[in-house]
Amino acid sequence: QVQLVESGGGLVQAGGSLRLSCAASGRTFSSYRMGWFRQGPGKERLFVAAIGPSGGNTYYGDFVKGRFTIPRDNAKSTLYLQMNSLNPEDTAVYYCASDLPPYSGSVYRSYTYDYWGQGTQVTVSS
């Protein structure tokens, strides 16, 4: 069982930045593939970013366009999402998720992930 706890959401003005954190339980965080998804009001859950176990491989949704990064700190069992140049369309609940080995499926698909956090709200005002 893996528990994921997101934090760092809040209200920010357009053009601003936020850093989300996702603290994970378990001794083998360094073996997890990790991802961020978001879900806006009345919308489907959307892939934001993902990172491989060692941090060497990263993946981003097309809409990110260089604005977000997804670092991880395996020593702290923590995943981050650094979001810059935010706009109102980024308003959503952001979820982190973990994919445990053996890996199967694409990191871009929500069904690939085994565990999910409760989500953190991000609101961007215009």
Protein backbone atom coordinates (compact mmCIF):
# COMPACT_ATOMS: atom_id res chain seq x y z
CA GLN A 1 0.00 0.00 0.00
CA VAL A 2 1.28 3.44 -0.97
CA GLN A 3 -0.11 6.66 0.40
CA LEU A 4 0.30 9.89 -1.54
CA VAL A 5 -0.37 13.30 -0.03
CA GLU A 6 -0.39 16.41 -2.21
CA SER A 7 0.17 19.94 -0.96
CA GLY A 8 1.01 23.37 -2.27
CA GLY A 9 -2.17 24.24 -4.11
CA GLY A 10 -3.90 27.57 -3.73
CA LEU A 11 -4.99 30.76 -5.42
CA VAL A 12 -2.58 32.56 -7.72
CA GLN A 13 -2.87 35.34 -10.26
CA ALA A 14 -2.36 34.72 -13.95
CA GLY A 15 1.32 34.73 -14.79
CA GLY A 16 2.28 33.51 -11.34
CA SER A 17 3.91 30.30 -10.13
CA LEU A 18 3.16 27.47 -7.76
CA ARG A 19 5.06 24.40 -6.64
CA LEU A 20 3.06 21.34 -5.76
CA SER A 21 4.47 18.56 -3.61
CA CYS A 22 3.48 14.93 -3.30
CA ALA A 23 4.81 13.03 -0.29
CA ALA A 24 4.82 9.27 -0.68
CA SER A 25 4.90 6.51 1.90
CA GLY A 26 6.77 3.28 1.39
CA ARG A 27 10.42 2.36 1.32
CA THR A 28 10.78 1.95 -2.39
CA PHE A 29 9.76 5.35 -3.74
CA SER A 30 12.86 5.32 -5.92
CA SER A 31 11.37 2.42 -7.88
CA TYR A 32 8.05 4.15 -8.68
CA ARG A 33 7.14 5.87 -11.86
CA MET A 34 5.27 9.01 -10.82
CA GLY A 35 2.82 11.26 -12.56
CA TRP A 36 0.65 14.35 -12.20
CA PHE A 37 -2.85 14.63 -13.60
CA ARG A 38 -5.43 17.35 -13.32
CA GLN A 39 -9.18 17.59 -13.53
CA GLY A 40 -11.00 20.82 -14.15
CA PRO A 41 -14.70 21.43 -13.43
CA GLY A 42 -16.80 19.26 -15.71
CA LYS A 43 -13.72 17.92 -17.50
CA GLU A 44 -11.98 14.58 -17.78
CA ARG A 45 -8.80 13.83 -15.88
CA LEU A 46 -5.90 15.05 -18.00
CA PHE A 47 -2.26 14.00 -18.07
CA VAL A 48 0.11 16.75 -16.97
CA ALA A 49 3.55 15.21 -16.48
CA ALA A 50 5.38 12.04 -15.48
CA ILE A 51 8.87 11.02 -14.42
CA GLY A 52 10.81 7.78 -14.36
CA PRO A 53 12.12 6.19 -11.17
CA SER A 54 15.56 7.76 -11.30
CA GLY A 55 14.36 11.08 -12.67
CA GLY A 56 16.20 10.63 -15.92
CA ASN A 57 13.10 10.49 -18.11
CA THR A 58 10.35 13.08 -18.03
CA TYR A 59 7.15 13.41 -20.03
CA TYR A 60 4.77 16.34 -20.43
CA GLY A 61 1.35 17.04 -21.77
CA ASP A 62 1.24 19.15 -24.91
CA PHE A 63 -0.44 22.07 -23.16
CA VAL A 64 2.49 22.42 -20.70
CA LYS A 65 4.66 23.99 -23.42
CA GLY A 66 7.73 24.37 -21.26
CA ARG A 67 5.92 26.02 -18.35
CA PHE A 68 6.00 23.08 -15.91
CA THR A 69 8.73 20.78 -14.62
CA ILE A 70 8.43 17.55 -12.62
CA PRO A 71 11.44 17.00 -10.37
CA ARG A 72 11.60 14.34 -7.69
CA ASP A 73 13.68 13.84 -4.58
CA ASN A 74 14.04 10.13 -3.91
CA ALA A 75 15.84 10.73 -0.61
CA LYS A 76 12.73 12.55 0.62
CA SER A 77 10.22 10.32 -1.17
CA THR A 78 8.71 13.45 -2.66
CA LEU A 79 7.52 14.42 -6.10
CA TYR A 80 7.10 18.02 -7.19
CA LEU A 81 5.38 19.95 -9.93
CA GLN A 82 6.83 23.38 -10.56
CA MET A 83 4.30 25.44 -12.48
CA ASN A 84 5.19 28.77 -14.04
CA SER A 85 3.32 31.23 -16.26
CA LEU A 86 0.00 29.98 -14.97
CA ASN A 87 -3.20 30.97 -16.73
CA PRO A 88 -6.89 30.53 -15.78
CA GLU A 89 -7.13 27.41 -17.96
CA ASP A 90 -4.75 25.72 -15.49
CA THR A 91 -7.42 25.90 -12.79
CA ALA A 92 -8.09 22.32 -11.66
CA VAL A 93 -7.61 19.77 -8.94
CA TYR A 94 -4.13 18.31 -9.35
CA TYR A 95 -3.47 14.68 -8.46
CA CYS A 96 -0.25 12.78 -8.10
CA ALA A 97 -0.11 9.08 -8.87
CA SER A 98 2.37 6.23 -8.59
CA ASP A 99 3.03 3.27 -10.85
CA LEU A 100 4.80 0.40 -9.11
CA PRO A 101 6.94 -2.23 -10.80
CA PRO A 102 6.48 -4.25 -12.88
CA TYR A 103 5.59 -1.37 -15.10
CA SER A 104 2.91 -1.78 -17.72
CA GLY A 105 1.09 0.72 -19.82
CA SER A 106 1.83 4.23 -20.91
CA VAL A 107 2.66 6.94 -18.36
CA TYR A 108 0.25 9.15 -20.29
CA ARG A 109 -2.78 7.03 -19.30
CA SER A 110 -4.45 7.30 -15.91
CA TYR A 111 -5.27 3.58 -15.78
CA THR A 112 -1.53 2.82 -15.69
CA TYR A 113 -1.20 4.10 -12.14
CA ASP A 114 -1.76 2.03 -9.04
CA TYR A 115 -2.22 4.67 -6.34
CA TRP A 116 -3.56 8.20 -6.24
CA GLY A 117 -3.48 11.10 -3.86
CA GLN A 118 -6.54 13.03 -2.73
CA GLY A 119 -5.75 16.02 -4.92
CA THR A 120 -4.94 19.68 -4.31
CA GLN A 121 -6.88 22.60 -5.74
CA VAL A 122 -5.14 25.13 -7.94
CA THR A 123 -7.07 28.25 -8.87
CA VAL A 124 -5.65 30.83 -11.26
CA SER A 125 -7.39 34.19 -11.37
CA SER A 126 -7.33 36.47 -14.39
